[in-house]
N, C-alpha and C. Protein backbone atom coordinates (compact mmCIF):
# COMPACT_ATOMS: atom_id res chain seq x y z
N MET A 1 4.98 -12.46 -7.71
CA MET A 1 4.94 -11.06 -8.09
C MET A 1 6.25 -10.73 -8.80
N HIS A 2 6.11 -10.10 -9.95
CA HIS A 2 7.28 -9.74 -10.73
C HIS A 2 7.34 -8.22 -10.89
N LEU A 3 8.44 -7.63 -10.42
CA LEU A 3 8.67 -6.20 -10.55
C LEU A 3 9.40 -5.98 -11.87
N ASP A 4 8.63 -5.66 -12.90
CA ASP A 4 9.15 -5.62 -14.26
C ASP A 4 10.06 -4.44 -14.55
N LYS A 5 9.59 -3.23 -14.24
CA LYS A 5 10.28 -2.04 -14.72
C LYS A 5 9.97 -0.86 -13.82
N PHE A 6 10.98 -0.01 -13.65
CA PHE A 6 10.79 1.21 -12.89
C PHE A 6 11.48 2.35 -13.62
N SER A 7 10.80 3.47 -13.73
CA SER A 7 11.41 4.70 -14.22
C SER A 7 10.70 5.85 -13.52
N PHE A 8 11.24 7.04 -13.64
CA PHE A 8 10.67 8.18 -12.95
C PHE A 8 9.18 8.28 -13.25
N GLY A 9 8.36 8.20 -12.20
CA GLY A 9 6.92 8.37 -12.33
C GLY A 9 6.12 7.13 -12.66
N THR A 10 6.78 6.01 -12.95
CA THR A 10 6.04 4.78 -13.25
C THR A 10 6.75 3.56 -12.68
N ILE A 11 5.94 2.58 -12.37
CA ILE A 11 6.47 1.28 -11.95
C ILE A 11 5.57 0.22 -12.59
N ARG A 12 6.18 -0.85 -13.05
CA ARG A 12 5.44 -1.93 -13.70
C ARG A 12 5.57 -3.18 -12.83
N ILE A 13 4.41 -3.70 -12.40
CA ILE A 13 4.37 -4.87 -11.54
C ILE A 13 3.42 -5.88 -12.16
N ASP A 14 3.92 -7.08 -12.39
CA ASP A 14 3.09 -8.15 -12.98
C ASP A 14 2.37 -7.69 -14.24
N GLY A 15 3.06 -6.91 -15.06
CA GLY A 15 2.49 -6.48 -16.34
C GLY A 15 1.59 -5.25 -16.26
N SER A 16 1.28 -4.76 -15.07
CA SER A 16 0.45 -3.56 -14.92
C SER A 16 1.32 -2.37 -14.58
N THR A 17 1.05 -1.24 -15.22
CA THR A 17 1.83 -0.03 -14.98
C THR A 17 1.07 0.88 -14.02
N TYR A 18 1.80 1.39 -13.02
CA TYR A 18 1.24 2.30 -12.03
C TYR A 18 1.97 3.63 -12.14
N THR A 19 1.20 4.72 -12.08
CA THR A 19 1.80 6.06 -12.18
C THR A 19 1.71 6.81 -10.86
N GLU A 20 1.28 6.14 -9.82
CA GLU A 20 1.23 6.76 -8.51
C GLU A 20 2.01 5.89 -7.52
N ASP A 21 2.22 6.43 -6.33
CA ASP A 21 2.90 5.66 -5.28
C ASP A 21 2.05 4.44 -4.94
N VAL A 22 2.69 3.31 -4.76
CA VAL A 22 1.98 2.09 -4.40
C VAL A 22 2.56 1.48 -3.14
N VAL A 23 1.74 0.67 -2.50
CA VAL A 23 2.15 -0.12 -1.34
C VAL A 23 1.92 -1.57 -1.72
N ILE A 24 2.94 -2.40 -1.52
CA ILE A 24 2.80 -3.83 -1.76
C ILE A 24 2.81 -4.49 -0.39
N ASP A 25 1.69 -5.09 -0.05
CA ASP A 25 1.53 -5.71 1.27
C ASP A 25 1.17 -7.17 1.09
N ARG A 26 2.14 -8.03 1.32
CA ARG A 26 1.97 -9.48 1.20
C ARG A 26 1.31 -9.86 -0.12
N GLY A 27 1.84 -9.28 -1.21
CA GLY A 27 1.38 -9.61 -2.55
C GLY A 27 0.24 -8.77 -3.06
N GLU A 28 -0.40 -8.01 -2.21
CA GLU A 28 -1.50 -7.14 -2.63
C GLU A 28 -0.95 -5.75 -2.94
N ILE A 29 -1.36 -5.20 -4.08
CA ILE A 29 -0.90 -3.88 -4.50
C ILE A 29 -2.04 -2.89 -4.30
N ARG A 30 -1.72 -1.77 -3.64
CA ARG A 30 -2.73 -0.73 -3.46
C ARG A 30 -2.06 0.63 -3.59
N LYS A 31 -2.85 1.63 -3.91
CA LYS A 31 -2.36 2.99 -4.01
C LYS A 31 -2.03 3.51 -2.61
N ARG A 32 -0.90 4.21 -2.50
CA ARG A 32 -0.56 4.84 -1.22
C ARG A 32 -1.51 6.00 -0.98
N LYS A 33 -2.10 6.02 0.19
CA LYS A 33 -3.01 7.11 0.56
C LYS A 33 -2.22 8.12 1.38
N LYS A 34 -1.83 9.22 0.72
CA LYS A 34 -0.97 10.23 1.32
C LYS A 34 -1.70 11.23 2.21
N ALA A 35 -3.03 11.28 2.11
CA ALA A 35 -3.80 12.31 2.80
C ALA A 35 -3.42 12.50 4.27
N PRO A 36 -3.25 11.43 5.05
CA PRO A 36 -2.90 11.64 6.47
C PRO A 36 -1.55 12.33 6.68
N SER A 37 -0.67 12.27 5.68
CA SER A 37 0.67 12.85 5.81
C SER A 37 0.79 14.24 5.19
N ARG A 38 -0.22 14.67 4.47
CA ARG A 38 -0.12 15.96 3.75
C ARG A 38 0.10 17.15 4.68
N LYS A 39 -0.38 17.05 5.91
CA LYS A 39 -0.20 18.17 6.84
C LYS A 39 1.27 18.42 7.18
N PHE A 40 2.14 17.45 6.88
CA PHE A 40 3.58 17.60 7.15
C PHE A 40 4.36 18.08 5.93
N ARG A 41 3.67 18.26 4.81
CA ARG A 41 4.33 18.58 3.54
C ARG A 41 5.17 19.86 3.61
N ASP A 42 4.64 20.93 4.19
CA ASP A 42 5.38 22.19 4.26
C ASP A 42 6.68 22.04 5.04
N GLU A 43 6.63 21.21 6.06
CA GLU A 43 7.81 20.97 6.91
C GLU A 43 8.93 20.26 6.14
N PHE A 44 8.56 19.39 5.20
CA PHE A 44 9.53 18.56 4.49
C PHE A 44 9.74 18.95 3.03
N GLY A 45 8.83 19.76 2.47
CA GLY A 45 8.93 20.13 1.07
C GLY A 45 8.44 19.04 0.13
N HIS A 46 7.94 17.97 0.69
CA HIS A 46 7.47 16.79 -0.05
C HIS A 46 6.56 16.07 0.94
N THR A 47 5.52 15.41 0.48
CA THR A 47 4.66 14.69 1.43
C THR A 47 5.45 13.50 1.98
N PRO A 48 5.78 13.51 3.27
CA PRO A 48 6.59 12.43 3.84
C PRO A 48 5.76 11.19 4.13
N LEU A 49 6.44 10.10 4.42
CA LEU A 49 5.77 8.92 4.94
C LEU A 49 5.68 9.13 6.45
N SER A 50 4.45 9.19 6.95
CA SER A 50 4.26 9.41 8.38
C SER A 50 3.59 8.19 9.01
N ILE A 51 3.64 8.15 10.30
CA ILE A 51 3.06 7.05 11.08
C ILE A 51 1.54 7.03 10.93
N GLU A 52 0.96 8.12 10.45
CA GLU A 52 -0.49 8.21 10.32
C GLU A 52 -1.03 7.49 9.08
N GLU A 53 -0.14 7.06 8.19
CA GLU A 53 -0.57 6.31 7.02
C GLU A 53 -0.74 4.84 7.38
N LYS A 54 -1.43 4.13 6.50
CA LYS A 54 -1.62 2.69 6.69
C LYS A 54 -0.35 1.98 6.21
N ILE A 55 0.52 1.67 7.15
CA ILE A 55 1.80 1.03 6.85
C ILE A 55 1.67 -0.47 7.11
N PRO A 56 2.13 -1.30 6.17
CA PRO A 56 2.01 -2.75 6.36
C PRO A 56 3.06 -3.28 7.34
N TRP A 57 2.71 -3.29 8.61
CA TRP A 57 3.66 -3.68 9.66
C TRP A 57 3.78 -5.19 9.85
N LYS A 58 2.94 -5.99 9.25
CA LYS A 58 2.99 -7.45 9.47
C LYS A 58 4.11 -8.05 8.62
N CYS A 59 5.33 -7.75 9.01
CA CYS A 59 6.49 -8.23 8.26
C CYS A 59 7.71 -8.21 9.18
N LYS A 60 8.77 -8.82 8.73
CA LYS A 60 10.04 -8.77 9.45
C LYS A 60 10.93 -7.68 8.87
N ARG A 61 10.73 -7.39 7.58
CA ARG A 61 11.50 -6.35 6.89
C ARG A 61 10.53 -5.51 6.08
N LEU A 62 10.61 -4.21 6.29
CA LEU A 62 9.79 -3.26 5.55
C LEU A 62 10.72 -2.47 4.63
N VAL A 63 10.47 -2.58 3.34
CA VAL A 63 11.29 -1.89 2.35
C VAL A 63 10.52 -0.67 1.86
N ILE A 64 11.15 0.50 1.97
CA ILE A 64 10.51 1.74 1.53
C ILE A 64 11.33 2.30 0.37
N GLY A 65 10.69 2.37 -0.79
CA GLY A 65 11.30 3.01 -1.95
C GLY A 65 11.05 4.50 -1.86
N THR A 66 12.09 5.29 -1.93
CA THR A 66 11.98 6.73 -1.73
C THR A 66 11.94 7.52 -3.03
N GLY A 67 11.59 6.84 -4.12
CA GLY A 67 11.46 7.53 -5.41
C GLY A 67 12.73 7.43 -6.23
N ALA A 68 12.64 7.89 -7.46
CA ALA A 68 13.76 7.80 -8.40
C ALA A 68 15.01 8.53 -7.89
N TYR A 69 14.78 9.63 -7.20
CA TYR A 69 15.91 10.43 -6.71
C TYR A 69 16.08 10.35 -5.20
N GLY A 70 15.35 9.46 -4.56
CA GLY A 70 15.48 9.27 -3.12
C GLY A 70 14.93 10.43 -2.31
N ASN A 71 13.94 11.14 -2.82
CA ASN A 71 13.44 12.35 -2.17
C ASN A 71 12.31 12.15 -1.17
N LEU A 72 11.74 10.96 -1.08
CA LEU A 72 10.63 10.76 -0.14
C LEU A 72 11.16 10.77 1.30
N PRO A 73 10.74 11.76 2.09
CA PRO A 73 11.16 11.76 3.49
C PRO A 73 10.39 10.71 4.30
N VAL A 74 11.08 10.06 5.21
CA VAL A 74 10.46 9.11 6.13
C VAL A 74 10.60 9.71 7.52
N MET A 75 9.48 9.97 8.15
CA MET A 75 9.51 10.64 9.45
C MET A 75 10.11 9.75 10.53
N GLU A 76 10.72 10.38 11.51
CA GLU A 76 11.36 9.67 12.61
C GLU A 76 10.39 8.75 13.35
N GLU A 77 9.13 9.15 13.45
CA GLU A 77 8.13 8.33 14.13
C GLU A 77 7.98 6.97 13.46
N VAL A 78 8.11 6.93 12.13
CA VAL A 78 8.03 5.66 11.40
C VAL A 78 9.22 4.78 11.79
N LYS A 79 10.39 5.39 11.85
CA LYS A 79 11.60 4.64 12.22
C LYS A 79 11.51 4.11 13.65
N ARG A 80 10.99 4.93 14.55
CA ARG A 80 10.83 4.48 15.94
C ARG A 80 9.82 3.35 16.05
N GLU A 81 8.73 3.45 15.30
CA GLU A 81 7.70 2.41 15.35
C GLU A 81 8.24 1.10 14.79
N ALA A 82 9.03 1.17 13.74
CA ALA A 82 9.65 -0.04 13.18
C ALA A 82 10.53 -0.70 14.24
N LYS A 83 11.31 0.11 14.92
CA LYS A 83 12.19 -0.44 15.96
C LYS A 83 11.36 -1.06 17.09
N ARG A 84 10.30 -0.38 17.50
CA ARG A 84 9.44 -0.88 18.57
C ARG A 84 8.82 -2.23 18.18
N ARG A 85 8.46 -2.37 16.91
CA ARG A 85 7.83 -3.60 16.43
C ARG A 85 8.85 -4.65 16.02
N ASP A 86 10.12 -4.32 16.13
CA ASP A 86 11.21 -5.21 15.74
C ASP A 86 11.13 -5.56 14.24
N VAL A 87 10.86 -4.53 13.44
CA VAL A 87 10.79 -4.66 11.99
C VAL A 87 12.02 -3.99 11.41
N GLU A 88 12.78 -4.73 10.62
CA GLU A 88 13.94 -4.16 9.95
C GLU A 88 13.45 -3.19 8.88
N LEU A 89 14.00 -2.01 8.86
CA LEU A 89 13.57 -0.97 7.93
C LEU A 89 14.67 -0.72 6.91
N LEU A 90 14.33 -0.90 5.63
CA LEU A 90 15.25 -0.57 4.54
C LEU A 90 14.66 0.63 3.82
N ILE A 91 15.36 1.74 3.83
CA ILE A 91 14.91 2.96 3.16
C ILE A 91 15.91 3.24 2.06
N LEU A 92 15.46 3.05 0.80
CA LEU A 92 16.36 3.13 -0.34
C LEU A 92 15.66 3.82 -1.51
N PRO A 93 16.44 4.45 -2.42
CA PRO A 93 15.81 4.91 -3.66
C PRO A 93 15.10 3.72 -4.31
N THR A 94 14.01 3.98 -5.00
CA THR A 94 13.13 2.91 -5.46
C THR A 94 13.83 1.85 -6.30
N ASP A 95 14.74 2.24 -7.19
CA ASP A 95 15.42 1.21 -8.00
C ASP A 95 16.21 0.25 -7.13
N LYS A 96 16.87 0.77 -6.11
CA LYS A 96 17.63 -0.09 -5.19
C LYS A 96 16.69 -0.91 -4.30
N ALA A 97 15.58 -0.31 -3.90
CA ALA A 97 14.59 -1.04 -3.09
C ALA A 97 14.04 -2.23 -3.87
N LEU A 98 13.75 -2.02 -5.14
CA LEU A 98 13.23 -3.11 -5.98
C LEU A 98 14.26 -4.22 -6.14
N ARG A 99 15.52 -3.85 -6.30
CA ARG A 99 16.59 -4.87 -6.39
C ARG A 99 16.70 -5.65 -5.09
N ALA A 100 16.58 -4.97 -3.96
CA ALA A 100 16.64 -5.66 -2.65
C ALA A 100 15.49 -6.64 -2.51
N ILE A 101 14.30 -6.23 -2.93
CA ILE A 101 13.14 -7.12 -2.86
C ILE A 101 13.34 -8.32 -3.77
N GLU A 102 13.80 -8.07 -4.98
CA GLU A 102 14.01 -9.14 -5.95
C GLU A 102 15.09 -10.11 -5.46
N LYS A 103 16.16 -9.58 -4.89
CA LYS A 103 17.24 -10.42 -4.37
C LYS A 103 16.73 -11.32 -3.24
N GLU A 104 15.94 -10.75 -2.34
CA GLU A 104 15.40 -11.54 -1.23
C GLU A 104 14.44 -12.60 -1.75
N ARG A 105 13.62 -12.24 -2.73
CA ARG A 105 12.66 -13.18 -3.31
C ARG A 105 13.39 -14.37 -3.93
N LYS A 106 14.47 -14.09 -4.66
CA LYS A 106 15.24 -15.17 -5.29
C LYS A 106 15.93 -16.03 -4.24
N ALA A 107 16.47 -15.40 -3.20
CA ALA A 107 17.13 -16.16 -2.13
C ALA A 107 16.14 -17.08 -1.45
N ASN A 108 14.93 -16.59 -1.21
CA ASN A 108 13.90 -17.42 -0.57
C ASN A 108 13.49 -18.56 -1.48
N ALA A 109 13.42 -18.31 -2.78
CA ALA A 109 13.06 -19.38 -3.73
C ALA A 109 14.12 -20.47 -3.72
N ILE A 110 15.38 -20.07 -3.67
CA ILE A 110 16.48 -21.04 -3.63
C ILE A 110 16.43 -21.82 -2.32
N LEU A 111 16.13 -21.14 -1.24
CA LEU A 111 16.02 -21.79 0.06
C LEU A 111 14.94 -22.85 0.03
N HIS A 112 13.81 -22.54 -0.57
CA HIS A 112 12.71 -23.50 -0.63
C HIS A 112 13.08 -24.73 -1.48
N VAL A 113 13.85 -24.52 -2.51
CA VAL A 113 14.25 -25.62 -3.38
C VAL A 113 15.18 -26.57 -2.65
N THR A 114 16.08 -26.01 -1.83
CA THR A 114 17.09 -26.85 -1.19
C THR A 114 16.63 -27.49 0.11
N CYS A 115 15.52 -27.06 0.65
CA CYS A 115 15.08 -27.61 1.95
C CYS A 115 14.30 -28.88 1.81
């Protein structure tokens, strides 16, 4: 998977451009379904990431891109659930989140070459 380009409102992954929030779960790309979290929108001023969404928990590290300006709120329940599941949570503006993912991907590739 190659994260080609990110700018406000768009992200390009493997040559395809997406204009909505996406979830990447073990190589599969899907649209984020915000509906379960919309009831919290007034409280946060933005639809937050809530525990009621389908979050890809089958990982050791969950990277959450919070948008170009870092405005996506992540509810405390999500943070508590990550801790309960022993999942490292990285919450970063999307450009930094993409760099973290890319850095980890390259490190793992190097690890595989040397083993």
